[in-house]
Amino acid sequence: MRAAGLRKGRRLGVPRAMIERAAERRAAGDWLGACAAADVAVGLDLRALRRTHGAEFTGRLLDDLAHLVPDLLRWHFPRLWHGDGRLLPGQRLLLSRPGGPEGPWLTARQADPHVYGHRRLVLSVAEHSWADLLLERSESAMRVNHWENVPHLWDTSRYLWDSRHLDESRERWGGGPGRAPFLHPDGTPRELPAVDPGPDADPASRTEWIDGLHRAGLVADAFHAAGIGLDTAPVEREWGAPVDPVEALSYTPLAVSRLAREVELLAAAGHGGTFWFPYDADGRFVVERAPGGSVSLRLEAWTYWEKDGNGTPVLPEVCRVPSIDVDVVRDGLSPDELHPLVRAALAPGRGPADGPVGPPPAAVPAPVRVRCGGQWHTVSHAEGRLTVPHTAQEQEREAALRALGGAGAGCHAAREAWTTGRGRTPRALSRLRDDLFDRAEHGDTDGVLAYLDAGGDPRVRDRGGRNLLHHLHLLDHAALLPRLLAGGADLEARDGEEQTPLFRVTRLDGPADLARALLEAGAATEGIGGESRHGESFEDAVEARLTGDPDGVWSGLVGGFSA
């Protein structure tokens, strides 16, 4: 589950066009332009920061920003471990403290707190206290340690975002000078060692042995090989049966080989010697570093309503889980499909790629063969429509048959499924549709534009009955809305939940200017979400969306549902 979700996140989360534009601006010394290209908003008032924290702080901050790789920051931002690998909301990355140990943090977070919200990231300067921590289970957790409002200490993991530290990547993944763990120097997967290579083996081989033991379910052996103490006593909890820590760790993604080194780096940076990370609502893992340098791990009972974990920092995900990039390559993704900077670190012995390096481009419409009336016909996209090789008279006859309750077949059924989201579609069309809407979900405006430029039909709907207008809150609506309306996309289309595009953007707290643009294009505020949900309440919600009143939006929507 984790491999599939993260592989999809790597393929779609940071489009190649975004990486290329950001790299071009960084090469020109334009860090602000690079952030804009990577959809990273800069919420910094440098004059106010200079007045409050001084010129030295501001100078160090600007130095960090000048070396920031914003597309790489987006690449490594925490993601859901299942589904489509989208950005995980409610996470705060604590990147650096330009003012020293007592100064405020340079932070990054997702602007929209919703899991289905816009993927824009925001840089800001903020104070941080562990007393502010109040964990909540993510709405898409599914037992994979995903929690909201989690602060991630990244000041010891600058290789994830700082161009001055990229050469540390391979070592931090558990590799050595010549290769990353689990991979040959050219980035192809290698077999795990059959016997213990010993403590003096090269770092990559040692990582493979230790983490291989953990993945094979030999948890106690893995911790022993890593020199980490493990308390194996069952843990009594307020609810349910006692928990066996060894069993709990057997299905917790964990890079046992890296724990001791990462905790040492965090301790050296002044973050103390004790860290924790959630197991579930009633338990958490605690990692401790003794004064002599030895590291141990235990499971203890707790409740996630505790505010700050007794003032103890959370062990960042990037310091405790296996490298996502190594895992997705082991799972079949080509190193050439990774971020170019990641490819260079992961596969130092790999030769030049046959083409551009980076995630694959969007799929473009191509002719598809369809079985129709005992023959094979070819349907294709042309001038913004899915065309079929049938005369106007044949198409009218088919439409009349369907109006009388008959079932469509062949070419006609394929086109109907394409524009309604219901019914079976040929496999090639399903792949094209899924790729298009996956990219829309990840905010890939360039990918959607490439589909439209290639003659794609703007009226297409996904498996949930949503058209591209339903996804505009995730995309550059200024570039797409005129194209979609001109191509015939239905402004009043209702998805499987009876929601129109305007209703959806309002319910998900989408951009107010998008709601205004939909209204100006003629979107209705009556009958939204079904006849039982229309009326003044939704009109009030739209008005609140336009004026920036979140309480008014919620009241209007609830009032509409109650009606």
Protein backbone atom coordinates (compact mmCIF):
# COMPACT_ATOMS: atom_id res chain seq x y z
CA MET A 1 0.00 0.00 0.00
CA ARG A 2 2.75 2.41 0.96
CA ALA A 3 4.80 1.64 -2.14
CA ALA A 4 1.87 2.15 -4.52
CA GLY A 5 0.82 5.47 -2.96
CA LEU A 6 4.32 6.90 -2.82
CA ARG A 7 5.14 5.77 -6.36
CA LYS A 8 2.12 7.68 -7.60
CA GLY A 9 3.10 10.70 -5.53
CA ARG A 10 6.57 10.68 -7.09
CA ARG A 11 5.17 10.40 -10.63
CA LEU A 12 2.59 13.16 -10.23
CA GLY A 13 3.43 15.31 -7.20
CA VAL A 14 6.06 17.58 -8.83
CA PRO A 15 5.58 17.84 -12.62
CA ARG A 16 8.62 17.94 -14.86
CA ALA A 17 7.65 21.37 -16.24
CA MET A 18 7.62 22.76 -12.69
CA ILE A 19 11.09 21.34 -11.98
CA GLU A 20 12.48 22.77 -15.21
CA ARG A 21 11.05 26.26 -14.65
CA ALA A 22 12.26 26.36 -11.04
CA ALA A 23 15.76 25.22 -12.08
CA GLU A 24 15.90 27.93 -14.73
CA ARG A 25 15.04 30.64 -12.20
CA ARG A 26 17.52 29.28 -9.62
CA ALA A 27 20.28 29.28 -12.24
CA ALA A 28 19.49 32.94 -12.87
CA GLY A 29 19.81 33.71 -9.13
CA ASP A 30 16.08 34.41 -8.80
CA TRP A 31 14.97 32.54 -5.68
CA LEU A 32 11.62 34.32 -5.65
CA GLY A 33 10.97 33.27 -9.23
CA ALA A 34 11.98 29.70 -8.39
CA CYS A 35 9.48 29.67 -5.52
CA ALA A 36 6.74 30.98 -7.80
CA ALA A 37 7.57 28.31 -10.38
CA ALA A 38 7.29 25.60 -7.71
CA ASP A 39 4.00 27.05 -6.36
CA VAL A 40 5.62 28.05 -3.08
CA ALA A 41 4.26 31.29 -1.67
CA VAL A 42 6.65 33.51 0.28
CA GLY A 43 4.82 34.95 3.27
CA LEU A 44 7.72 37.07 4.52
CA ASP A 45 7.86 40.78 5.33
CA LEU A 46 11.61 41.34 5.25
CA ARG A 47 11.41 44.93 6.49
CA ALA A 48 9.36 43.91 9.51
CA LEU A 49 11.70 40.98 10.19
CA ARG A 50 14.72 43.30 10.03
CA ARG A 51 13.09 45.69 12.51
CA THR A 52 12.13 42.86 14.88
CA HIS A 53 15.12 40.51 14.66
CA GLY A 54 17.92 42.64 13.26
CA ALA A 55 20.00 42.81 10.11
CA GLU A 56 22.13 39.75 10.95
CA PHE A 57 19.07 37.53 11.26
CA THR A 58 17.63 38.85 7.99
CA GLY A 59 20.94 38.31 6.20
CA ARG A 60 21.13 34.68 7.31
CA LEU A 61 17.50 34.18 6.35
CA LEU A 62 18.13 35.54 2.86
CA ASP A 63 21.17 33.28 2.57
CA ASP A 64 19.00 30.24 3.34
CA LEU A 65 16.40 31.40 0.84
CA ALA A 66 19.03 31.94 -1.84
CA HIS A 67 20.05 28.27 -1.49
CA LEU A 68 16.52 26.92 -1.18
CA VAL A 69 15.47 24.42 -3.88
CA PRO A 70 11.69 24.90 -3.67
CA ASP A 71 10.78 22.11 -6.08
CA LEU A 72 12.95 19.72 -4.03
CA LEU A 73 11.21 20.93 -0.88
CA ARG A 74 7.90 20.03 -2.52
CA TRP A 75 9.36 16.69 -3.65
CA HIS A 76 10.27 15.67 -0.09
CA PHE A 77 7.25 17.21 1.68
CA PRO A 78 5.40 14.54 3.73
CA ARG A 79 2.83 12.66 1.66
CA LEU A 80 0.05 10.19 2.28
CA TRP A 81 1.29 6.61 2.19
CA HIS A 82 -1.64 5.34 0.16
CA GLY A 83 -4.05 6.48 -2.53
CA ASP A 84 -2.45 8.98 -4.88
CA GLY A 85 0.34 10.07 -2.53
CA ARG A 86 -0.91 13.63 -2.22
CA LEU A 87 0.64 16.14 0.19
CA LEU A 88 -0.22 15.48 3.80
CA PRO A 89 -1.99 18.50 5.31
CA GLY A 90 -1.42 19.82 8.78
CA GLN A 91 2.36 19.37 8.69
CA ARG A 92 4.86 22.09 9.65
CA LEU A 93 8.42 21.83 8.39
CA LEU A 94 10.91 23.64 10.64
CA LEU A 95 13.67 24.29 8.12
CA SER A 96 16.23 26.48 9.91
CA ARG A 97 16.78 29.02 12.68
CA PRO A 98 18.64 31.94 11.08
CA GLY A 99 18.83 33.71 14.42
CA GLY A 100 20.45 30.84 16.28
CA PRO A 101 19.07 28.38 18.87
CA GLU A 102 16.75 30.96 20.44
CA GLY A 103 15.55 32.55 17.22
CA PRO A 104 12.38 31.95 15.23
CA TRP A 105 12.15 29.29 12.53
CA LEU A 106 11.97 29.47 8.77
CA THR A 107 8.97 27.19 8.21
CA ALA A 108 7.05 25.63 5.34
CA ARG A 109 3.53 24.27 5.33
CA GLN A 110 0.68 23.55 2.96
CA ALA A 111 -1.49 26.63 2.59
CA ASP A 112 -4.77 24.72 2.45
CA PRO A 113 -5.45 22.56 5.54
CA HIS A 114 -7.70 20.15 3.63
CA VAL A 115 -6.46 16.84 2.24
CA TYR A 116 -8.36 17.72 -0.96
CA GLY A 117 -7.24 21.34 -0.90
CA HIS A 118 -4.80 23.32 -3.03
CA ARG A 119 -1.23 22.07 -2.99
CA ARG A 120 0.46 25.46 -2.60
CA LEU A 121 3.18 25.61 0.05
CA VAL A 122 3.88 28.69 2.16
CA LEU A 123 7.20 29.88 3.59
CA SER A 124 7.02 31.94 6.75
CA VAL A 125 8.99 32.88 9.85
CA ALA A 126 7.39 31.80 13.11
CA GLU A 127 8.14 31.00 16.70
CA HIS A 128 7.62 27.40 17.69
CA SER A 129 6.86 25.72 20.99
CA TRP A 130 6.14 22.07 21.59
CA ALA A 131 3.41 23.25 23.94
CA ASP A 132 1.47 24.28 20.80
CA LEU A 133 1.29 20.68 19.63
CA LEU A 134 -2.15 19.09 19.57
CA LEU A 135 -2.17 15.93 17.49
CA GLU A 136 -5.23 14.84 15.56
CA ARG A 137 -5.63 11.73 13.46
CA SER A 138 -5.50 12.59 9.74
CA GLU A 139 -8.76 11.97 7.89
CA SER A 140 -6.82 9.65 5.54
CA ALA A 141 -4.68 7.91 8.15
CA MET A 142 -5.61 4.24 7.61
CA ARG A 143 -3.23 3.07 10.32
CA VAL A 144 -0.06 4.46 8.80
CA ASN A 145 1.02 6.94 11.50
CA HIS A 146 -0.40 10.02 9.78
CA TRP A 147 -1.26 12.81 12.17
CA GLU A 148 -2.20 16.44 11.71
CA ASN A 149 -0.43 19.42 13.26
CA VAL A 150 2.90 17.59 13.40
CA PRO A 151 6.08 19.74 13.38
CA HIS A 152 9.00 18.19 11.52
CA LEU A 153 12.54 19.20 12.51
CA TRP A 154 14.38 19.57 9.20
CA ASP A 155 17.30 21.75 10.31
CA THR A 156 19.48 18.60 10.50
CA SER A 157 18.11 17.36 7.16
CA ARG A 158 19.09 20.23 4.88
CA TYR A 159 19.87 17.81 2.06
CA LEU A 160 16.09 17.75 1.51
CA TRP A 161 15.90 21.42 0.51
CA ASP A 162 19.29 23.22 0.67
CA SER A 163 21.53 23.15 -2.43
CA ARG A 164 24.65 23.35 -0.23
CA HIS A 165 23.93 19.94 1.34
CA LEU A 166 22.75 17.81 -1.57
CA ASP A 167 25.94 15.71 -1.46
CA GLU A 168 24.84 14.35 1.94
CA SER A 169 21.78 12.58 0.50
CA ARG A 170 23.27 9.16 -0.20
CA GLU A 171 24.88 8.90 3.24
CA ARG A 172 21.69 9.98 5.01
CA TRP A 173 19.74 7.28 3.17
CA GLY A 174 22.13 4.74 4.65
CA GLY A 175 24.46 4.44 1.67
CA GLY A 176 28.10 5.19 1.04
CA PRO A 177 30.26 7.10 -1.44
CA GLY A 178 29.64 4.68 -4.31
CA ARG A 179 25.98 3.72 -4.07
CA ALA A 180 22.68 4.02 -2.21
CA PRO A 181 21.42 1.06 -0.16
CA PHE A 182 19.49 -1.66 -2.00
CA LEU A 183 20.69 -0.33 -5.36
CA HIS A 184 23.65 -0.74 -7.70
CA PRO A 185 25.59 2.43 -8.59
CA ASP A 186 23.52 2.73 -11.78
CA GLY A 187 20.29 2.77 -9.75
CA THR A 188 19.10 -0.76 -10.55
CA PRO A 189 17.89 -2.89 -7.62
CA ARG A 190 20.28 -5.41 -6.11
CA GLU A 191 19.76 -8.58 -4.09
CA LEU A 192 19.81 -8.35 -0.31
CA PRO A 193 22.83 -9.91 1.43
CA ALA A 194 22.21 -13.53 2.38
CA VAL A 195 24.49 -13.38 5.44
CA ASP A 196 25.50 -10.73 7.91
CA PRO A 197 28.26 -8.66 6.23
CA GLY A 198 29.54 -7.69 9.67
CA PRO A 199 29.92 -4.35 11.46
CA ASP A 200 32.92 -3.37 9.32
CA ALA A 201 31.07 -3.75 6.01
CA ASP A 202 30.44 -0.76 3.75
CA PRO A 203 27.52 1.43 4.94
CA ALA A 204 25.14 0.41 2.15
CA SER A 205 25.59 -3.32 2.82
CA ARG A 206 25.14 -2.80 6.55
CA THR A 207 21.91 -0.87 5.94
CA GLU A 208 20.64 -3.61 3.64
CA TRP A 209 21.24 -6.27 6.26
CA ILE A 210 19.66 -4.41 9.18
CA ASP A 211 16.63 -3.05 7.35
CA GLY A 212 16.24 -6.33 5.52
CA LEU A 213 15.86 -8.08 8.87
CA HIS A 214 13.16 -5.62 9.91
CA ARG A 215 11.25 -6.00 6.64
CA ALA A 216 11.43 -9.78 7.01
CA GLY A 217 9.72 -9.48 10.41
CA LEU A 218 12.87 -10.18 12.44
CA VAL A 219 12.42 -7.01 14.48
CA ALA A 220 14.49 -7.95 17.54
CA ASP A 221 17.35 -9.15 15.32
CA ALA A 222 17.30 -5.87 13.37
CA PHE A 223 17.54 -3.75 16.54
CA HIS A 224 20.30 -5.97 17.92
CA ALA A 225 22.29 -5.66 14.66
CA ALA A 226 21.88 -1.88 14.77
CA GLY A 227 23.04 -1.72 18.40
CA ILE A 228 19.73 -0.22 19.55
CA GLY A 229 18.08 -1.36 22.75
CA LEU A 230 14.48 -2.55 22.42
CA ASP A 231 12.05 -2.95 25.30
CA THR A 232 9.95 -5.98 24.31
CA ALA A 233 7.62 -6.01 27.34
CA PRO A 234 3.90 -5.89 26.39
CA VAL A 235 2.31 -2.51 27.06
CA GLU A 236 -0.93 -2.26 29.03
CA ARG A 237 -3.31 0.42 27.78
CA GLU A 238 -6.55 1.91 29.01
CA TRP A 239 -8.49 0.41 26.12
CA GLY A 240 -8.06 -2.97 24.49
CA ALA A 241 -5.62 -5.80 24.95
CA PRO A 242 -1.92 -5.32 25.75
CA VAL A 243 0.27 -4.48 22.77
CA ASP A 244 3.39 -6.42 21.85
CA PRO A 245 6.03 -3.84 20.76
CA VAL A 246 7.75 -6.34 18.47
CA GLU A 247 4.51 -7.07 16.64
CA ALA A 248 3.68 -3.35 16.45
CA LEU A 249 7.10 -2.58 14.97
CA SER A 250 6.79 -5.38 12.42
CA TYR A 251 4.25 -3.38 10.39
CA THR A 252 5.54 0.11 11.19
CA PRO A 253 7.66 1.50 8.31
CA LEU A 254 11.01 2.10 9.98
CA ALA A 255 14.63 2.42 8.89
CA VAL A 256 16.21 0.81 11.95
CA SER A 257 19.70 1.28 10.52
CA ARG A 258 19.34 5.08 10.50
CA LEU A 259 17.77 5.70 13.89
CA ALA A 260 20.89 6.04 16.02
CA ARG A 261 22.68 8.38 13.58
CA GLU A 262 19.63 10.61 13.08
CA VAL A 263 19.01 10.92 16.81
CA GLU A 264 22.68 11.80 17.29
CA LEU A 265 22.41 14.63 14.72
CA LEU A 266 19.25 15.99 16.33
CA ALA A 267 20.83 15.89 19.77
CA ALA A 268 23.94 17.69 18.50
CA ALA A 269 21.69 20.42 17.08
CA GLY A 270 20.31 21.09 20.55
CA HIS A 271 17.00 19.23 20.35
CA GLY A 272 17.65 16.99 23.34
CA GLY A 273 18.10 13.24 23.45
CA THR A 274 14.50 12.00 23.67
CA PHE A 275 12.03 11.89 20.77
CA TRP A 276 8.77 10.14 20.02
CA PHE A 277 6.42 9.33 17.19
CA PRO A 278 2.79 8.12 17.25
CA TYR A 279 1.78 4.49 17.01
CA ASP A 280 -1.98 4.90 17.44
CA ALA A 281 -4.47 6.79 19.58
CA ASP A 282 -3.36 4.97 22.74
CA GLY A 283 0.34 4.39 22.24
CA ARG A 284 3.54 5.99 21.02
CA PHE A 285 7.12 4.95 20.41
CA VAL A 286 9.80 6.76 22.42
CA VAL A 287 13.43 6.90 21.24
CA GLU A 288 16.08 7.89 23.79
CA ARG A 289 19.78 8.63 23.51
CA ALA A 290 21.73 8.05 26.71
CA PRO A 291 24.62 10.38 27.71
CA GLY A 292 27.09 7.76 26.52
CA GLY A 293 25.55 7.69 23.05
CA SER A 294 23.56 4.44 23.20
CA VAL A 295 20.03 4.56 21.76
CA SER A 296 16.94 2.65 22.87
CA LEU A 297 13.31 2.42 21.82
CA ARG A 298 10.18 1.54 23.76
CA LEU A 299 6.42 1.60 23.30
CA GLU A 300 4.42 3.37 25.97
CA ALA A 301 0.75 4.06 26.60
CA TRP A 302 -0.50 7.60 26.13
CA THR A 303 -3.40 9.51 24.63
CA TYR A 304 -3.07 11.81 21.66
CA TRP A 305 -5.14 14.40 23.49
CA GLU A 306 -1.99 15.12 25.48
CA LYS A 307 -0.84 18.43 24.10
CA ASP A 308 2.90 18.23 23.80
CA GLY A 309 4.18 14.77 24.67
CA ASN A 310 5.61 16.14 27.93
CA GLY A 311 7.54 18.76 25.98
CA THR A 312 9.40 16.15 23.93
CA PRO A 313 9.90 16.76 20.19
CA VAL A 314 8.51 14.42 17.56
CA LEU A 315 11.05 12.34 15.66
CA PRO A 316 10.65 13.62 12.07
CA GLU A 317 9.32 11.17 9.52
CA VAL A 318 12.34 11.70 7.25
CA CYS A 319 14.61 10.58 10.11
CA ARG A 320 12.83 7.31 10.84
CA VAL A 321 11.30 5.86 7.64
CA PRO A 322 13.10 4.30 4.67
CA SER A 323 13.98 6.63 1.82
CA ILE A 324 10.93 7.03 -0.40
CA ASP A 325 13.09 7.45 -3.49
CA VAL A 326 15.05 4.26 -2.85
CA ASP A 327 11.81 2.38 -2.19
CA VAL A 328 9.99 3.53 -5.34
CA VAL A 329 13.00 2.59 -7.51
CA ARG A 330 13.14 -0.84 -5.86
CA ASP A 331 9.43 -1.08 -6.63
CA GLY A 332 9.91 -0.50 -10.36
CA LEU A 333 10.17 3.25 -10.98
CA SER A 334 13.09 4.23 -13.20
CA PRO A 335 15.69 6.55 -11.64
CA ASP A 336 15.24 8.69 -14.78
CA GLU A 337 11.70 9.48 -13.58
CA LEU A 338 12.91 11.03 -10.32
CA HIS A 339 13.80 14.64 -9.65
CA PRO A 340 17.14 15.25 -11.45
CA LEU A 341 18.92 16.15 -8.22
CA VAL A 342 17.62 13.01 -6.54
CA ARG A 343 18.62 10.88 -9.54
CA ALA A 344 22.17 12.21 -9.33
CA ALA A 345 22.44 11.26 -5.65
CA LEU A 346 20.65 7.93 -5.89
CA ALA A 347 22.45 6.62 -8.99
CA PRO A 348 25.95 8.16 -9.14
CA GLY A 349 27.08 5.57 -11.69
CA ARG A 350 24.15 5.96 -14.05
CA GLY A 351 24.97 7.31 -17.50
CA PRO A 352 23.11 10.06 -19.34
CA ALA A 353 19.41 9.43 -19.82
CA ASP A 354 17.97 8.83 -23.28
CA GLY A 355 15.71 11.85 -22.85
CA PRO A 356 14.88 14.52 -20.26
CA VAL A 357 15.13 13.47 -16.62
CA GLY A 358 12.13 13.90 -14.38
CA PRO A 359 8.60 12.63 -13.81
CA PRO A 360 6.86 11.45 -16.99
CA PRO A 361 4.85 14.03 -18.96
CA ALA A 362 1.07 13.92 -19.14
CA ALA A 363 -0.54 11.34 -21.40
CA VAL A 364 -1.97 12.85 -24.59
CA PRO A 365 -5.01 11.60 -26.51
CA ALA A 366 -4.35 8.90 -29.08
CA PRO A 367 -6.66 6.85 -31.33
CA VAL A 368 -8.30 3.88 -29.59
CA ARG A 369 -9.84 0.77 -31.16
CA VAL A 370 -13.36 -0.13 -29.99
CA ARG A 371 -15.39 -3.23 -30.72
CA CYS A 372 -18.61 -1.94 -32.32
CA GLY A 373 -21.30 -4.03 -34.00
CA GLY A 374 -19.01 -6.97 -34.63
CA GLN A 375 -16.27 -4.77 -36.12
CA TRP A 376 -13.29 -2.81 -34.84
CA HIS A 377 -13.72 0.97 -35.07
CA THR A 378 -11.28 3.72 -34.17
CA VAL A 379 -12.35 6.58 -31.89
CA SER A 380 -10.08 9.57 -31.50
CA HIS A 381 -9.88 13.08 -30.13
CA ALA A 382 -10.16 15.95 -32.57
CA GLU A 383 -10.95 19.63 -32.01
CA GLY A 384 -11.92 19.06 -28.39
CA ARG A 385 -14.27 16.13 -28.94
CA LEU A 386 -14.15 12.35 -28.75
CA THR A 387 -15.13 11.52 -32.33
CA VAL A 388 -16.64 8.26 -33.57
CA PRO A 389 -16.69 6.91 -37.14
CA HIS A 390 -20.48 7.12 -37.49
CA THR A 391 -22.70 9.37 -39.56
CA ALA A 392 -24.92 12.01 -37.99
CA GLN A 393 -27.94 9.87 -38.82
CA GLU A 394 -26.47 6.85 -37.02
CA GLN A 395 -25.66 8.96 -33.99
CA GLU A 396 -29.19 10.40 -33.88
CA ARG A 397 -30.64 6.89 -34.07
CA GLU A 398 -28.41 5.79 -31.19
CA ALA A 399 -29.47 8.80 -29.12
CA ALA A 400 -33.14 8.01 -29.73
CA LEU A 401 -32.56 4.39 -28.69
CA ARG A 402 -30.99 5.50 -25.42
CA ALA A 403 -33.81 7.99 -24.79
CA LEU A 404 -36.26 5.09 -25.00
CA GLY A 405 -34.30 3.16 -22.38
CA GLY A 406 -32.05 1.14 -24.64
CA ALA A 407 -28.43 0.42 -23.72
CA GLY A 408 -25.65 2.01 -25.74
CA ALA A 409 -22.96 -0.14 -27.28
CA GLY A 410 -19.64 0.12 -29.03
CA CYS A 411 -18.44 3.58 -30.03
CA HIS A 412 -21.56 5.30 -28.69
CA ALA A 413 -21.25 3.67 -25.27
CA ALA A 414 -17.56 4.64 -25.07
CA ARG A 415 -18.35 8.28 -25.82
CA GLU A 416 -21.23 8.35 -23.35
CA ALA A 417 -19.04 6.89 -20.59
CA TRP A 418 -16.35 9.44 -21.44
CA THR A 419 -18.69 12.42 -20.98
CA THR A 420 -20.72 11.09 -18.03
CA GLY A 421 -18.21 9.07 -15.98
CA ARG A 422 -20.66 6.17 -15.92
CA GLY A 423 -20.31 2.89 -17.77
CA ARG A 424 -17.39 0.95 -19.17
CA THR A 425 -14.71 2.63 -21.24
CA PRO A 426 -11.98 0.99 -23.31
CA ARG A 427 -8.86 0.38 -21.27
CA ALA A 428 -6.75 2.93 -23.17
CA LEU A 429 -9.37 5.64 -22.62
CA SER A 430 -9.59 4.74 -18.93
CA ARG A 431 -5.82 5.15 -18.56
CA LEU A 432 -5.94 8.53 -20.30
CA ARG A 433 -8.83 9.72 -18.14
CA ASP A 434 -7.24 8.50 -14.91
CA ASP A 435 -3.93 10.17 -15.77
CA LEU A 436 -5.70 13.44 -16.56
CA PHE A 437 -7.68 13.59 -13.33
CA ASP A 438 -4.77 12.34 -11.21
CA ARG A 439 -2.77 15.28 -12.52
CA ALA A 440 -5.64 17.63 -11.81
CA GLU A 441 -5.77 16.31 -8.22
CA HIS A 442 -2.06 17.10 -7.87
CA GLY A 443 -2.45 20.61 -9.29
CA ASP A 444 -0.67 19.94 -12.61
CA THR A 445 -2.06 22.77 -14.73
CA ASP A 446 0.54 22.15 -17.44
CA GLY A 447 -0.60 18.54 -17.75
CA VAL A 448 -4.26 19.54 -18.17
CA LEU A 449 -3.31 22.20 -20.73
CA ALA A 450 -1.25 19.63 -22.66
CA TYR A 451 -4.34 17.41 -22.83
CA LEU A 452 -6.49 20.28 -24.13
CA ASP A 453 -3.81 21.43 -26.60
CA ALA A 454 -3.73 17.91 -28.04
CA GLY A 455 -7.45 18.10 -28.83
CA GLY A 456 -8.75 16.49 -25.63
CA ASP A 457 -12.43 16.74 -24.80
CA PRO A 458 -13.06 19.26 -21.95
CA ARG A 459 -16.38 17.54 -21.17
CA VAL A 460 -14.71 14.37 -19.85
CA ARG A 461 -15.74 13.22 -16.36
CA ASP A 462 -13.90 11.09 -13.81
CA ARG A 463 -15.20 7.94 -12.14
CA GLY A 464 -17.03 10.08 -9.57
CA GLY A 465 -18.90 12.04 -12.23
CA ARG A 466 -16.80 15.20 -11.79
CA ASN A 467 -15.61 17.21 -14.76
CA LEU A 468 -12.51 19.39 -14.85
CA LEU A 469 -14.46 22.37 -13.50
CA HIS A 470 -14.95 20.45 -10.24
CA HIS A 471 -11.14 20.36 -9.84
CA LEU A 472 -10.37 24.00 -10.64
CA HIS A 473 -9.72 24.88 -6.98
CA LEU A 474 -6.55 22.77 -7.29
CA LEU A 475 -5.37 24.33 -10.57
CA ASP A 476 -4.60 27.69 -12.18
CA HIS A 477 -8.23 28.55 -12.86
CA ALA A 478 -7.34 31.79 -14.63
CA ALA A 479 -5.62 29.77 -17.37
CA LEU A 480 -8.10 26.90 -17.50
CA LEU A 481 -11.60 28.26 -16.88
CA PRO A 482 -11.94 30.13 -20.22
CA ARG A 483 -10.59 27.11 -22.11
CA LEU A 484 -12.98 24.71 -20.43
CA LEU A 485 -16.06 26.88 -20.88
CA ALA A 486 -15.21 27.56 -24.51
CA GLY A 487 -14.85 23.81 -25.05
CA GLY A 488 -18.31 23.04 -23.69
CA ALA A 489 -17.59 21.94 -20.10
CA ASP A 490 -20.87 21.97 -18.17
CA LEU A 491 -20.92 24.68 -15.51
CA GLU A 492 -23.90 22.99 -13.81
CA ALA A 493 -22.60 19.40 -14.03
CA ARG A 494 -23.44 17.39 -10.92
CA ASP A 495 -21.10 14.73 -9.66
CA GLY A 496 -22.01 11.52 -7.87
CA GLU A 497 -22.74 13.55 -4.71
CA GLU A 498 -24.99 15.99 -6.61
CA GLN A 499 -22.43 18.78 -6.27
CA THR A 500 -21.84 21.39 -8.94
CA PRO A 501 -18.39 22.97 -9.42
CA LEU A 502 -19.48 26.08 -7.50
CA PHE A 503 -20.81 24.00 -4.62
CA ARG A 504 -17.58 22.00 -4.47
CA VAL A 505 -15.27 25.02 -4.46
CA THR A 506 -17.39 26.58 -1.69
CA ARG A 507 -17.51 23.42 0.42
CA LEU A 508 -13.73 22.94 0.17
CA ASP A 509 -12.93 26.59 0.98
CA GLY A 510 -11.55 27.10 -2.52
CA PRO A 511 -10.24 30.46 -3.76
CA ALA A 512 -12.75 33.30 -3.50
CA ASP A 513 -11.73 34.61 -6.92
CA LEU A 514 -12.59 31.22 -8.44
CA ALA A 515 -16.05 31.29 -6.84
CA ARG A 516 -16.49 34.81 -8.22
CA ALA A 517 -15.33 33.72 -11.68
CA LEU A 518 -17.82 30.84 -11.69
CA LEU A 519 -20.62 33.18 -10.68
CA GLU A 520 -19.67 35.64 -13.42
CA ALA A 521 -19.67 32.78 -15.92
CA GLY A 522 -23.29 32.04 -14.98
CA ALA A 523 -23.07 29.40 -12.22
CA ALA A 524 -26.36 29.06 -10.34
CA THR A 525 -26.78 29.22 -6.58
CA GLU A 526 -30.20 27.59 -6.69
CA GLY A 527 -30.69 23.85 -6.78
CA ILE A 528 -27.12 23.28 -5.70
CA GLY A 529 -26.50 19.77 -4.42
CA GLY A 530 -30.07 18.64 -5.16
CA GLU A 531 -33.45 20.24 -4.65
CA SER A 532 -33.33 19.47 -0.93
CA ARG A 533 -30.21 21.60 -0.49
CA HIS A 534 -30.92 24.75 -2.44
CA GLY A 535 -32.11 28.14 -1.29
CA GLU A 536 -30.88 31.16 0.60
CA SER A 537 -28.56 29.11 2.83
CA PHE A 538 -26.24 28.21 -0.02
CA GLU A 539 -26.41 31.75 -1.42
CA ASP A 540 -25.25 32.89 2.01
CA ALA A 541 -22.41 30.36 1.89
CA VAL A 542 -21.25 31.67 -1.48
CA GLU A 543 -21.39 35.24 -0.23
CA ALA A 544 -19.37 34.25 2.84
CA ARG A 545 -16.81 32.54 0.58
CA LEU A 546 -16.42 35.76 -1.40
CA THR A 547 -16.03 37.89 1.72
CA GLY A 548 -13.65 35.49 3.49
CA ASP A 549 -16.00 34.48 6.32
CA PRO A 550 -15.34 30.75 7.02
CA ASP A 551 -18.01 30.58 9.74
CA GLY A 552 -20.54 31.96 7.29
CA VAL A 553 -19.56 29.37 4.69
CA TRP A 554 -20.07 26.55 7.17
CA SER A 555 -23.40 27.93 8.44
CA GLY A 556 -24.70 28.31 4.90
CA LEU A 557 -23.72 24.81 3.87
CA VAL A 558 -25.13 23.20 7.02
CA GLY A 559 -28.35 25.15 6.61
CA GLY A 560 -28.64 23.95 3.04
CA PHE A 561 -28.04 20.31 4.00
CA SER A 562 -30.61 20.52 6.79
CA ALA A 563 -33.23 21.88 4.44
